[in-house]
Amino acid sequence: MKINIHTHHITNQHEIVEIINQYPMTVDNTLPTYSVGIHPWYIDEERLDEELTLLEEELQQPNCLAIGECGLDKKINISLNIQIDVFKRQLLLAEKYKKAVILHVVSAYQEVIAIKKELNITVPLIIHSFNKKRQVAESLWKNGFFLSFGKHLIYNEALRDTFVQVPREQIFLETDDVEEITIAEVYRIAEQLNEHIERQIEENYKRIFNR
């Protein structure tokens, strides 16, 4: 069984679990497995309370496996302080309902690590579409984060050196919003680098999501 830990597209392929990314205002909770979150790009303070209420309702659905994607992005125009506030509120909901969190992080890894410690977050935190150097990866995995790899593993050979260093118990794979890449292609590269990675990721999925 292959696990696509984060995707924006439904393929309904046999023996592939897809966690479909959704937003609070437009959730389809008939999907077999999905996540819901307030992405930092789309924070709207006027409707924030409504979105958080809807998010909390969705977290009580058994097929809503995670909050996300959510996080911090220093390269957008939305105030970092506002982003941090929205991020923290989602993390606290994740703790309340014991849901994993799929994270969008751009140039804010140290801030995310610090917030995890500050709030004493115990639920699994998964950095999606990871594409940084080993030093960043090591800082994250040593602080208990999971790293999810996608298209960059196919196109960035330097990233493969990082991938093989990450503890296998903290790895996932994904396609994100890229339609032209299949999860099978990502797995093919990952398996060349790390034998038995499919079985390990399936074990990681079952352990985190109790599926």
N, C-alpha and C. Protein backbone atom coordinates (compact mmCIF):
# COMPACT_ATOMS: atom_id res chain seq x y z
N MET A 1 0.84 -1.20 0.00
CA MET A 1 0.00 0.00 0.00
C MET A 1 0.88 1.24 0.00
N LYS A 2 0.62 2.14 -0.94
CA LYS A 2 1.35 3.40 -1.00
C LYS A 2 0.53 4.50 -0.32
N ILE A 3 1.24 5.39 0.36
CA ILE A 3 0.60 6.49 1.09
C ILE A 3 1.00 7.81 0.44
N ASN A 4 0.02 8.58 -0.01
CA ASN A 4 0.26 9.95 -0.47
C ASN A 4 -0.19 10.86 0.65
N ILE A 5 0.76 11.31 1.47
CA ILE A 5 0.42 11.98 2.73
C ILE A 5 -0.18 13.36 2.51
N HIS A 6 0.03 13.93 1.31
CA HIS A 6 -0.50 15.29 1.06
C HIS A 6 -0.67 15.50 -0.43
N THR A 7 -1.92 15.65 -0.85
CA THR A 7 -2.20 15.92 -2.26
C THR A 7 -3.43 16.80 -2.37
N HIS A 8 -3.48 17.56 -3.45
CA HIS A 8 -4.63 18.40 -3.75
C HIS A 8 -5.54 17.77 -4.81
N HIS A 9 -5.20 16.57 -5.25
CA HIS A 9 -5.92 15.93 -6.35
C HIS A 9 -6.33 14.51 -5.99
N ILE A 10 -7.56 14.17 -6.30
CA ILE A 10 -8.07 12.84 -6.03
C ILE A 10 -7.84 11.96 -7.26
N THR A 11 -7.20 10.82 -7.06
CA THR A 11 -7.00 9.89 -8.18
C THR A 11 -7.77 8.59 -7.99
N ASN A 12 -8.11 8.26 -6.73
CA ASN A 12 -8.86 7.03 -6.42
C ASN A 12 -8.19 5.78 -6.99
N GLN A 13 -6.86 5.75 -6.91
CA GLN A 13 -6.14 4.57 -7.38
C GLN A 13 -6.18 3.46 -6.34
N HIS A 14 -6.27 2.25 -6.85
CA HIS A 14 -6.32 1.08 -5.98
C HIS A 14 -5.02 0.96 -5.18
N GLU A 15 -5.15 0.67 -3.91
CA GLU A 15 -4.02 0.45 -3.01
C GLU A 15 -3.17 1.70 -2.80
N ILE A 16 -3.77 2.88 -3.00
CA ILE A 16 -3.09 4.12 -2.66
C ILE A 16 -3.99 4.92 -1.72
N VAL A 17 -3.46 5.25 -0.57
CA VAL A 17 -4.18 6.11 0.37
C VAL A 17 -3.79 7.55 0.08
N GLU A 18 -4.78 8.40 -0.12
CA GLU A 18 -4.53 9.81 -0.42
C GLU A 18 -5.15 10.68 0.66
N ILE A 19 -4.34 11.48 1.32
CA ILE A 19 -4.87 12.47 2.25
C ILE A 19 -5.06 13.76 1.46
N ILE A 20 -6.31 14.05 1.16
CA ILE A 20 -6.65 15.18 0.29
C ILE A 20 -6.69 16.48 1.08
N ASN A 21 -5.92 17.46 0.63
CA ASN A 21 -5.90 18.76 1.29
C ASN A 21 -7.19 19.52 1.02
N GLN A 22 -7.80 20.07 2.08
CA GLN A 22 -9.02 20.85 1.93
C GLN A 22 -8.98 22.10 2.82
N TYR A 23 -9.95 23.00 2.56
CA TYR A 23 -10.05 24.25 3.29
C TYR A 23 -11.39 24.30 4.03
N PRO A 24 -11.44 24.97 5.17
CA PRO A 24 -12.65 24.90 6.02
C PRO A 24 -13.95 25.28 5.33
N MET A 25 -13.91 26.27 4.43
CA MET A 25 -15.15 26.77 3.82
C MET A 25 -15.67 25.89 2.70
N THR A 26 -14.85 24.93 2.24
CA THR A 26 -15.24 24.15 1.05
C THR A 26 -14.99 22.66 1.25
N VAL A 27 -15.19 22.17 2.44
CA VAL A 27 -14.85 20.77 2.75
C VAL A 27 -15.86 19.80 2.14
N ASP A 28 -15.33 18.73 1.58
CA ASP A 28 -16.14 17.57 1.20
C ASP A 28 -15.79 16.46 2.18
N ASN A 29 -16.63 16.27 3.19
CA ASN A 29 -16.29 15.28 4.21
C ASN A 29 -16.78 13.87 3.88
N THR A 30 -17.12 13.67 2.59
CA THR A 30 -17.42 12.31 2.14
C THR A 30 -16.16 11.60 1.63
N LEU A 31 -15.06 12.35 1.50
CA LEU A 31 -13.82 11.73 1.06
C LEU A 31 -13.34 10.71 2.10
N PRO A 32 -12.72 9.64 1.66
CA PRO A 32 -12.30 8.60 2.62
C PRO A 32 -11.24 9.06 3.61
N THR A 33 -10.30 9.89 3.15
CA THR A 33 -9.27 10.44 4.04
C THR A 33 -8.90 11.84 3.55
N TYR A 34 -8.86 12.79 4.49
CA TYR A 34 -8.55 14.16 4.10
C TYR A 34 -7.99 14.94 5.28
N SER A 35 -7.44 16.10 4.98
CA SER A 35 -7.00 17.05 6.00
C SER A 35 -7.69 18.37 5.75
N VAL A 36 -7.80 19.19 6.78
CA VAL A 36 -8.42 20.52 6.66
C VAL A 36 -7.57 21.51 7.44
N GLY A 37 -7.28 22.64 6.83
CA GLY A 37 -6.50 23.64 7.55
C GLY A 37 -6.61 25.02 6.93
N ILE A 38 -6.12 26.00 7.66
CA ILE A 38 -6.07 27.38 7.19
C ILE A 38 -4.64 27.66 6.76
N HIS A 39 -4.43 27.69 5.47
CA HIS A 39 -3.11 27.92 4.88
C HIS A 39 -2.69 29.37 5.14
N PRO A 40 -1.42 29.62 5.43
CA PRO A 40 -1.01 31.01 5.70
C PRO A 40 -1.27 31.94 4.52
N TRP A 41 -1.24 31.44 3.30
CA TRP A 41 -1.51 32.29 2.15
C TRP A 41 -2.93 32.83 2.15
N TYR A 42 -3.85 32.09 2.75
CA TYR A 42 -5.27 32.41 2.61
C TYR A 42 -5.91 32.88 3.92
N ILE A 43 -5.11 33.38 4.83
CA ILE A 43 -5.67 33.90 6.08
C ILE A 43 -6.51 35.14 5.79
N ASP A 44 -7.73 35.09 6.27
CA ASP A 44 -8.66 36.21 6.13
C ASP A 44 -9.19 36.51 7.54
N GLU A 45 -8.72 37.59 8.12
CA GLU A 45 -9.07 37.88 9.51
C GLU A 45 -10.58 38.08 9.71
N GLU A 46 -11.26 38.55 8.68
CA GLU A 46 -12.70 38.80 8.82
C GLU A 46 -13.50 37.52 8.98
N ARG A 47 -13.02 36.44 8.41
CA ARG A 47 -13.76 35.18 8.51
C ARG A 47 -13.00 34.12 9.31
N LEU A 48 -11.97 34.55 10.03
CA LEU A 48 -11.12 33.61 10.75
C LEU A 48 -11.89 32.81 11.80
N ASP A 49 -12.68 33.49 12.59
CA ASP A 49 -13.43 32.78 13.64
C ASP A 49 -14.37 31.74 13.05
N GLU A 50 -15.01 32.11 11.93
CA GLU A 50 -15.91 31.16 11.27
C GLU A 50 -15.14 29.95 10.76
N GLU A 51 -13.98 30.21 10.17
CA GLU A 51 -13.17 29.10 9.65
C GLU A 51 -12.67 28.19 10.76
N LEU A 52 -12.27 28.77 11.87
CA LEU A 52 -11.81 27.95 13.00
C LEU A 52 -12.94 27.11 13.57
N THR A 53 -14.15 27.66 13.58
CA THR A 53 -15.32 26.89 14.05
C THR A 53 -15.59 25.72 13.11
N LEU A 54 -15.54 25.97 11.81
CA LEU A 54 -15.75 24.91 10.83
C LEU A 54 -14.64 23.87 10.92
N LEU A 55 -13.42 24.34 11.12
CA LEU A 55 -12.29 23.43 11.24
C LEU A 55 -12.48 22.50 12.43
N GLU A 56 -12.89 23.05 13.55
CA GLU A 56 -13.08 22.22 14.74
C GLU A 56 -14.18 21.19 14.51
N GLU A 57 -15.22 21.57 13.79
CA GLU A 57 -16.27 20.60 13.48
C GLU A 57 -15.74 19.45 12.63
N GLU A 58 -14.91 19.79 11.66
CA GLU A 58 -14.38 18.75 10.77
C GLU A 58 -13.43 17.80 11.50
N LEU A 59 -12.70 18.32 12.47
CA LEU A 59 -11.75 17.49 13.20
C LEU A 59 -12.43 16.37 13.97
N GLN A 60 -13.73 16.48 14.14
CA GLN A 60 -14.47 15.45 14.84
C GLN A 60 -15.00 14.36 13.89
N GLN A 61 -14.70 14.51 12.60
CA GLN A 61 -15.05 13.48 11.62
C GLN A 61 -13.95 12.42 11.60
N PRO A 62 -14.30 11.15 11.63
CA PRO A 62 -13.27 10.11 11.68
C PRO A 62 -12.38 10.05 10.45
N ASN A 63 -12.87 10.48 9.30
CA ASN A 63 -12.05 10.44 8.09
C ASN A 63 -11.24 11.72 7.87
N CYS A 64 -11.38 12.70 8.78
CA CYS A 64 -10.47 13.85 8.80
C CYS A 64 -9.26 13.45 9.62
N LEU A 65 -8.16 13.17 8.95
CA LEU A 65 -7.01 12.59 9.64
C LEU A 65 -6.05 13.63 10.20
N ALA A 66 -6.10 14.85 9.67
CA ALA A 66 -5.07 15.82 10.08
C ALA A 66 -5.57 17.24 9.87
N ILE A 67 -4.94 18.16 10.57
CA ILE A 67 -5.06 19.59 10.27
C ILE A 67 -3.99 19.91 9.23
N GLY A 68 -4.36 20.71 8.26
CA GLY A 68 -3.35 21.12 7.31
C GLY A 68 -3.92 21.30 5.90
N GLU A 69 -3.20 21.96 5.04
CA GLU A 69 -1.89 22.37 5.49
C GLU A 69 -1.98 23.73 6.18
N CYS A 70 -1.13 23.94 7.15
CA CYS A 70 -1.07 25.21 7.85
C CYS A 70 0.39 25.46 8.20
N GLY A 71 0.69 26.65 8.70
CA GLY A 71 2.09 26.90 9.06
C GLY A 71 2.48 28.35 8.94
N LEU A 72 3.75 28.56 8.56
CA LEU A 72 4.32 29.90 8.49
C LEU A 72 5.08 30.08 7.18
N ASP A 73 4.96 31.27 6.60
CA ASP A 73 5.63 31.57 5.33
C ASP A 73 6.13 33.01 5.39
N LYS A 74 7.43 33.17 5.47
CA LYS A 74 8.02 34.51 5.58
C LYS A 74 8.09 35.24 4.24
N LYS A 75 7.72 34.60 3.17
CA LYS A 75 7.85 35.22 1.86
C LYS A 75 6.53 35.74 1.31
N ILE A 76 5.53 35.86 2.17
CA ILE A 76 4.26 36.44 1.75
C ILE A 76 4.02 37.75 2.50
N ASN A 77 3.02 38.50 2.08
CA ASN A 77 2.78 39.83 2.64
C ASN A 77 1.99 39.82 3.94
N ILE A 78 1.40 38.70 4.29
CA ILE A 78 0.63 38.63 5.53
C ILE A 78 1.57 38.68 6.72
N SER A 79 1.25 39.51 7.71
CA SER A 79 2.09 39.70 8.89
C SER A 79 2.45 38.37 9.53
N LEU A 80 3.72 38.21 9.88
CA LEU A 80 4.16 36.98 10.54
C LEU A 80 3.47 36.82 11.88
N ASN A 81 3.21 37.90 12.58
CA ASN A 81 2.52 37.81 13.87
C ASN A 81 1.11 37.24 13.70
N ILE A 82 0.43 37.67 12.66
CA ILE A 82 -0.90 37.13 12.39
C ILE A 82 -0.81 35.65 12.03
N GLN A 83 0.17 35.32 11.19
CA GLN A 83 0.37 33.91 10.82
C GLN A 83 0.62 33.05 12.06
N ILE A 84 1.46 33.54 12.95
CA ILE A 84 1.79 32.78 14.16
C ILE A 84 0.55 32.56 15.02
N ASP A 85 -0.27 33.58 15.15
CA ASP A 85 -1.49 33.46 15.94
C ASP A 85 -2.41 32.38 15.36
N VAL A 86 -2.63 32.43 14.05
CA VAL A 86 -3.51 31.45 13.39
C VAL A 86 -2.91 30.05 13.49
N PHE A 87 -1.61 29.95 13.31
CA PHE A 87 -0.91 28.67 13.40
C PHE A 87 -1.05 28.08 14.80
N LYS A 88 -0.82 28.88 15.81
CA LYS A 88 -0.92 28.38 17.19
C LYS A 88 -2.34 27.90 17.50
N ARG A 89 -3.33 28.63 17.04
CA ARG A 89 -4.71 28.23 17.32
C ARG A 89 -5.03 26.88 16.67
N GLN A 90 -4.46 26.64 15.51
CA GLN A 90 -4.68 25.35 14.86
C GLN A 90 -3.92 24.23 15.58
N LEU A 91 -2.73 24.52 16.04
CA LEU A 91 -1.97 23.51 16.78
C LEU A 91 -2.70 23.11 18.06
N LEU A 92 -3.30 24.07 18.71
CA LEU A 92 -4.03 23.76 19.95
C LEU A 92 -5.26 22.90 19.65
N LEU A 93 -5.91 23.14 18.52
CA LEU A 93 -7.01 22.27 18.12
C LEU A 93 -6.51 20.86 17.82
N ALA A 94 -5.34 20.78 17.19
CA ALA A 94 -4.76 19.47 16.90
C ALA A 94 -4.52 18.70 18.19
N GLU A 95 -4.01 19.39 19.20
CA GLU A 95 -3.79 18.75 20.50
C GLU A 95 -5.11 18.31 21.12
N LYS A 96 -6.10 19.15 21.03
CA LYS A 96 -7.40 18.85 21.64
C LYS A 96 -8.02 17.60 21.05
N TYR A 97 -7.91 17.45 19.73
CA TYR A 97 -8.56 16.33 19.05
C TYR A 97 -7.57 15.24 18.64
N LYS A 98 -6.32 15.39 19.05
CA LYS A 98 -5.29 14.38 18.81
C LYS A 98 -5.16 14.05 17.31
N LYS A 99 -5.00 15.11 16.52
CA LYS A 99 -4.82 14.97 15.09
C LYS A 99 -3.40 15.37 14.69
N ALA A 100 -2.86 14.70 13.71
CA ALA A 100 -1.57 15.11 13.14
C ALA A 100 -1.73 16.46 12.43
N VAL A 101 -0.60 17.10 12.13
CA VAL A 101 -0.63 18.40 11.46
C VAL A 101 0.33 18.35 10.27
N ILE A 102 -0.17 18.76 9.10
CA ILE A 102 0.64 18.84 7.90
C ILE A 102 1.04 20.30 7.69
N LEU A 103 2.35 20.53 7.67
CA LEU A 103 2.88 21.89 7.76
C LEU A 103 3.44 22.43 6.44
N HIS A 104 3.06 23.67 6.16
CA HIS A 104 3.67 24.47 5.10
C HIS A 104 4.63 25.43 5.80
N VAL A 105 5.92 25.31 5.49
CA VAL A 105 6.92 26.16 6.16
C VAL A 105 7.87 26.72 5.11
N VAL A 106 7.99 28.05 5.08
CA VAL A 106 8.93 28.71 4.18
C VAL A 106 9.76 29.69 4.99
N SER A 107 11.06 29.42 5.09
CA SER A 107 12.01 30.30 5.78
C SER A 107 11.63 30.55 7.23
N ALA A 108 11.00 29.57 7.87
CA ALA A 108 10.55 29.77 9.26
C ALA A 108 10.67 28.49 10.07
N TYR A 109 11.68 27.69 9.77
CA TYR A 109 11.82 26.40 10.46
C TYR A 109 12.13 26.58 11.94
N GLN A 110 12.99 27.52 12.28
CA GLN A 110 13.32 27.73 13.69
C GLN A 110 12.10 28.22 14.47
N GLU A 111 11.30 29.05 13.85
CA GLU A 111 10.08 29.54 14.51
C GLU A 111 9.11 28.38 14.78
N VAL A 112 8.98 27.50 13.81
CA VAL A 112 8.07 26.36 13.97
C VAL A 112 8.56 25.42 15.08
N ILE A 113 9.85 25.19 15.12
CA ILE A 113 10.41 24.36 16.19
C ILE A 113 10.16 25.01 17.55
N ALA A 114 10.38 26.32 17.62
CA ALA A 114 10.19 27.03 18.89
C ALA A 114 8.73 26.98 19.35
N ILE A 115 7.81 27.12 18.42
CA ILE A 115 6.38 27.09 18.77
C ILE A 115 5.99 25.70 19.24
N LYS A 116 6.51 24.68 18.61
CA LYS A 116 6.24 23.30 19.06
C LYS A 116 6.64 23.13 20.52
N LYS A 117 7.82 23.65 20.85
CA LYS A 117 8.30 23.56 22.24
C LYS A 117 7.47 24.42 23.18
N GLU A 118 7.17 25.64 22.75
CA GLU A 118 6.42 26.57 23.59
C GLU A 118 5.06 26.01 23.98
N LEU A 119 4.37 25.41 23.01
CA LEU A 119 3.02 24.91 23.25
C LEU A 119 3.02 23.45 23.73
N ASN A 120 4.21 22.88 23.79
CA ASN A 120 4.33 21.48 24.22
C ASN A 120 3.46 20.57 23.36
N ILE A 121 3.60 20.71 22.06
CA ILE A 121 2.80 19.94 21.12
C ILE A 121 3.29 18.49 21.09
N THR A 122 2.36 17.58 21.25
CA THR A 122 2.70 16.15 21.28
C THR A 122 2.21 15.38 20.06
N VAL A 123 1.28 15.95 19.29
CA VAL A 123 0.79 15.26 18.11
C VAL A 123 1.84 15.32 17.00
N PRO A 124 1.79 14.38 16.04
CA PRO A 124 2.78 14.38 14.96
C PRO A 124 2.70 15.62 14.09
N LEU A 125 3.85 16.21 13.79
CA LEU A 125 3.94 17.37 12.90
C LEU A 125 4.74 16.95 11.68
N ILE A 126 4.15 17.13 10.50
CA ILE A 126 4.73 16.66 9.25
C ILE A 126 5.05 17.85 8.35
N ILE A 127 6.32 18.07 8.05
CA ILE A 127 6.73 19.12 7.13
C ILE A 127 6.51 18.62 5.72
N HIS A 128 5.60 19.24 4.99
CA HIS A 128 5.32 18.71 3.64
C HIS A 128 6.25 19.35 2.61
N SER A 129 6.50 18.58 1.54
CA SER A 129 7.33 19.02 0.41
C SER A 129 8.70 19.53 0.87
N PHE A 130 9.35 18.75 1.71
CA PHE A 130 10.65 19.19 2.24
C PHE A 130 11.70 19.17 1.13
N ASN A 131 12.51 20.24 1.06
CA ASN A 131 13.53 20.32 0.00
C ASN A 131 14.79 21.07 0.44
N LYS A 132 15.10 21.00 1.74
CA LYS A 132 16.24 21.75 2.25
C LYS A 132 17.44 20.82 2.52
N LYS A 133 18.52 21.43 3.00
CA LYS A 133 19.75 20.68 3.24
C LYS A 133 19.67 19.85 4.52
N ARG A 134 20.66 18.98 4.66
CA ARG A 134 20.67 18.07 5.80
C ARG A 134 20.63 18.80 7.14
N GLN A 135 21.33 19.93 7.25
CA GLN A 135 21.37 20.65 8.53
C GLN A 135 19.96 21.01 8.99
N VAL A 136 19.13 21.49 8.07
CA VAL A 136 17.75 21.83 8.42
C VAL A 136 16.97 20.57 8.74
N ALA A 137 17.14 19.55 7.91
CA ALA A 137 16.44 18.29 8.14
C ALA A 137 16.78 17.70 9.51
N GLU A 138 18.04 17.72 9.85
CA GLU A 138 18.47 17.14 11.13
C GLU A 138 17.88 17.91 12.31
N SER A 139 17.85 19.22 12.20
CA SER A 139 17.24 20.03 13.26
C SER A 139 15.78 19.65 13.45
N LEU A 140 15.10 19.38 12.36
CA LEU A 140 13.68 19.03 12.42
C LEU A 140 13.47 17.62 12.97
N TRP A 141 14.18 16.64 12.44
CA TRP A 141 13.91 15.28 12.90
C TRP A 141 14.33 15.08 14.35
N LYS A 142 15.38 15.80 14.78
CA LYS A 142 15.80 15.68 16.17
C LYS A 142 14.79 16.33 17.12
N ASN A 143 13.95 17.20 16.59
CA ASN A 143 12.89 17.81 17.39
C ASN A 143 11.55 17.11 17.17
N GLY A 144 11.60 15.93 16.58
CA GLY A 144 10.41 15.09 16.50
C GLY A 144 9.53 15.28 15.29
N PHE A 145 9.95 16.12 14.34
CA PHE A 145 9.14 16.34 13.14
C PHE A 145 9.29 15.19 12.15
N PHE A 146 8.25 14.96 11.37
CA PHE A 146 8.30 14.07 10.23
C PHE A 146 8.59 14.91 8.98
N LEU A 147 9.27 14.33 8.00
CA LEU A 147 9.56 15.03 6.76
C LEU A 147 8.92 14.28 5.60
N SER A 148 8.16 15.01 4.79
CA SER A 148 7.52 14.44 3.62
C SER A 148 8.18 14.97 2.35
N PHE A 149 8.54 14.06 1.47
CA PHE A 149 9.26 14.40 0.25
C PHE A 149 8.36 14.17 -0.96
N GLY A 150 8.50 15.06 -1.96
CA GLY A 150 7.68 14.95 -3.16
C GLY A 150 8.49 15.17 -4.42
N LYS A 151 8.04 16.11 -5.25
CA LYS A 151 8.65 16.31 -6.57
C LYS A 151 10.13 16.64 -6.50
N HIS A 152 10.56 17.32 -5.44
CA HIS A 152 11.96 17.71 -5.35
C HIS A 152 12.88 16.50 -5.24
N LEU A 153 12.36 15.39 -4.74
CA LEU A 153 13.17 14.18 -4.66
C LEU A 153 13.47 13.63 -6.05
N ILE A 154 12.58 13.90 -6.98
CA ILE A 154 12.78 13.45 -8.35
C ILE A 154 13.79 14.33 -9.08
N TYR A 155 13.68 15.64 -8.89
CA TYR A 155 14.45 16.58 -9.71
C TYR A 155 15.71 17.11 -9.05
N ASN A 156 15.83 16.98 -7.75
CA ASN A 156 16.96 17.56 -7.02
C ASN A 156 17.83 16.44 -6.46
N GLU A 157 18.91 16.15 -7.15
CA GLU A 157 19.77 15.05 -6.71
C GLU A 157 20.43 15.33 -5.37
N ALA A 158 20.72 16.60 -5.08
CA ALA A 158 21.33 16.94 -3.79
C ALA A 158 20.39 16.60 -2.64
N LEU A 159 19.09 16.72 -2.88
CA LEU A 159 18.12 16.41 -1.83
C LEU A 159 18.14 14.92 -1.49
N ARG A 160 18.51 14.11 -2.43
CA ARG A 160 18.56 12.66 -2.18
C ARG A 160 19.59 12.32 -1.10
N ASP A 161 20.66 13.09 -1.04
CA ASP A 161 21.65 12.87 0.02
C ASP A 161 21.05 13.16 1.39
N THR A 162 20.18 14.16 1.45
CA THR A 162 19.47 14.45 2.70
C THR A 162 18.49 13.34 3.03
N PHE A 163 17.74 12.91 2.03
CA PHE A 163 16.70 11.90 2.22
C PHE A 163 17.24 10.64 2.90
N VAL A 164 18.40 10.18 2.46
CA VAL A 164 18.92 8.91 3.00
C VAL A 164 19.40 9.06 4.45
N GLN A 165 19.56 10.28 4.92
CA GLN A 165 20.00 10.50 6.30
C GLN A 165 18.83 10.57 7.28
N VAL A 166 17.64 10.85 6.79
CA VAL A 166 16.48 11.02 7.67
C VAL A 166 16.08 9.65 8.24
N PRO A 167 15.83 9.56 9.55
CA PRO A 167 15.35 8.29 10.10
C PRO A 167 14.12 7.80 9.36
N ARG A 168 14.10 6.55 8.98
CA ARG A 168 13.00 6.01 8.17
C ARG A 168 11.67 6.10 8.89
N GLU A 169 11.71 6.09 10.21
CA GLU A 169 10.48 6.18 11.00
C GLU A 169 9.86 7.56 10.95
N GLN A 170 10.56 8.53 10.31
CA GLN A 170 10.05 9.90 10.26
C GLN A 170 9.89 10.42 8.83
N ILE A 171 9.67 9.50 7.89
CA ILE A 171 9.57 9.85 6.48
C ILE A 171 8.16 9.58 5.94
N PHE A 172 7.70 10.50 5.06
CA PHE A 172 6.51 10.28 4.24
C PHE A 172 6.81 10.76 2.82
N LEU A 173 5.91 10.40 1.89
CA LEU A 173 6.02 10.84 0.50
C LEU A 173 4.69 11.45 0.06
N GLU A 174 4.76 12.30 -0.98
CA GLU A 174 3.57 13.05 -1.40
C GLU A 174 3.69 13.52 -2.83
N THR A 175 2.57 14.01 -3.37
CA THR A 175 2.58 14.67 -4.68
C THR A 175 2.21 16.15 -4.60
N ASP A 176 1.67 16.59 -3.47
CA ASP A 176 1.27 17.99 -3.27
C ASP A 176 0.26 18.40 -4.35
N ASP A 177 0.48 19.54 -5.03
CA ASP A 177 -0.48 20.02 -6.01
C ASP A 177 -0.04 19.76 -7.44
N VAL A 178 0.96 18.88 -7.60
CA VAL A 178 1.53 18.61 -8.92
C VAL A 178 0.78 17.44 -9.56
N GLU A 179 0.07 17.70 -10.64
CA GLU A 179 -0.73 16.67 -11.29
C GLU A 179 0.10 15.77 -12.20
N GLU A 180 1.20 16.31 -12.75
CA GLU A 180 1.96 15.54 -13.74
C GLU A 180 2.88 14.50 -13.10
N ILE A 181 2.96 14.49 -11.76
CA ILE A 181 3.78 13.49 -11.07
C ILE A 181 2.87 12.58 -10.27
N THR A 182 3.09 11.28 -10.37
CA THR A 182 2.31 10.32 -9.59
C THR A 182 3.07 9.93 -8.33
N ILE A 183 2.32 9.45 -7.35
CA ILE A 183 2.98 9.00 -6.13
C ILE A 183 3.85 7.78 -6.42
N ALA A 184 3.51 7.01 -7.43
CA ALA A 184 4.34 5.86 -7.80
C ALA A 184 5.73 6.30 -8.26
N GLU A 185 5.80 7.43 -8.96
CA GLU A 185 7.09 7.95 -9.41
C GLU A 185 7.94 8.39 -8.22
N VAL A 186 7.31 9.02 -7.25
CA VAL A 186 8.05 9.45 -6.06
C VAL A 186 8.56 8.22 -5.30
N TYR A 187 7.71 7.23 -5.17
CA TYR A 187 8.12 5.99 -4.51
C TYR A 187 9.28 5.31 -5.24
N ARG A 188 9.25 5.34 -6.56
CA ARG A 188 10.30 4.68 -7.33
C ARG A 188 11.68 5.25 -6.99
N ILE A 189 11.77 6.57 -6.92
CA ILE A 189 13.04 7.20 -6.55
C ILE A 189 13.39 6.88 -5.09
N ALA A 190 12.40 6.97 -4.22
CA ALA A 190 12.64 6.73 -2.79
C ALA A 190 13.13 5.30 -2.55
N GLU A 191 12.57 4.35 -3.28
CA GLU A 191 12.96 2.95 -3.09
C GLU A 191 14.37 2.68 -3.62
N GLN A 192 14.79 3.43 -4.63
CA GLN A 192 16.17 3.32 -5.10
C GLN A 192 17.16 3.77 -4.04
N LEU A 193 16.74 4.71 -3.24
CA LEU A 193 17.61 5.29 -2.21
C LEU A 193 17.50 4.57 -0.87
N ASN A 194 16.35 3.96 -0.62
CA ASN A 194 16.08 3.44 0.72
C ASN A 194 15.23 2.17 0.58
N GLU A 195 15.89 1.04 0.65
CA GLU A 195 15.20 -0.23 0.46
C GLU A 195 14.09 -0.42 1.50
N HIS A 196 13.00 -1.00 1.06
CA HIS A 196 11.84 -1.30 1.92
C HIS A 196 11.14 -0.04 2.43
N ILE A 197 11.31 1.08 1.73
CA ILE A 197 10.71 2.33 2.21
C ILE A 197 9.18 2.28 2.14
N GLU A 198 8.63 1.55 1.16
CA GLU A 198 7.17 1.47 1.08
C GLU A 198 6.59 0.83 2.34
N ARG A 199 7.18 -0.25 2.77
CA ARG A 199 6.70 -0.92 3.98
C ARG A 199 6.87 -0.02 5.20
N GLN A 200 7.99 0.70 5.26
CA GLN A 200 8.24 1.57 6.40
C GLN A 200 7.22 2.72 6.45
N ILE A 201 6.93 3.31 5.30
CA ILE A 201 5.97 4.42 5.28
C ILE A 201 4.58 3.92 5.65
N GLU A 202 4.23 2.74 5.21
CA GLU A 202 2.94 2.17 5.61
C GLU A 202 2.88 1.99 7.13
N GLU A 203 3.98 1.54 7.71
CA GLU A 203 4.04 1.40 9.17
C GLU A 203 3.94 2.76 9.85
N ASN A 204 4.62 3.76 9.30
CA ASN A 204 4.55 5.11 9.86
C ASN A 204 3.11 5.62 9.84
N TYR A 205 2.45 5.40 8.72
CA TYR A 205 1.06 5.85 8.55
C TYR A 205 0.15 5.17 9.58
N LYS A 206 0.28 3.88 9.71
CA LYS A 206 -0.58 3.15 10.65
C LYS A 206 -0.32 3.60 12.09
N ARG A 207 0.95 3.85 12.40
CA ARG A 207 1.30 4.27 13.76
C ARG A 207 0.75 5.65 14.09
N ILE A 208 0.86 6.57 13.17
CA ILE A 208 0.44 7.96 13.42
C ILE A 208 -1.07 8.13 13.38
N PHE A 209 -1.69 7.47 12.42
CA PHE A 209 -3.12 7.71 12.18
C PHE A 209 -4.02 6.61 12.73
N ASN A 210 -3.43 5.59 13.34
CA ASN A 210 -4.20 4.50 13.93
C ASN A 210 -5.16 3.88 12.93
N ARG A 211 -4.67 3.67 11.70
CA ARG A 211 -5.52 3.14 10.63
C ARG A 211 -5.24 1.66 10.40
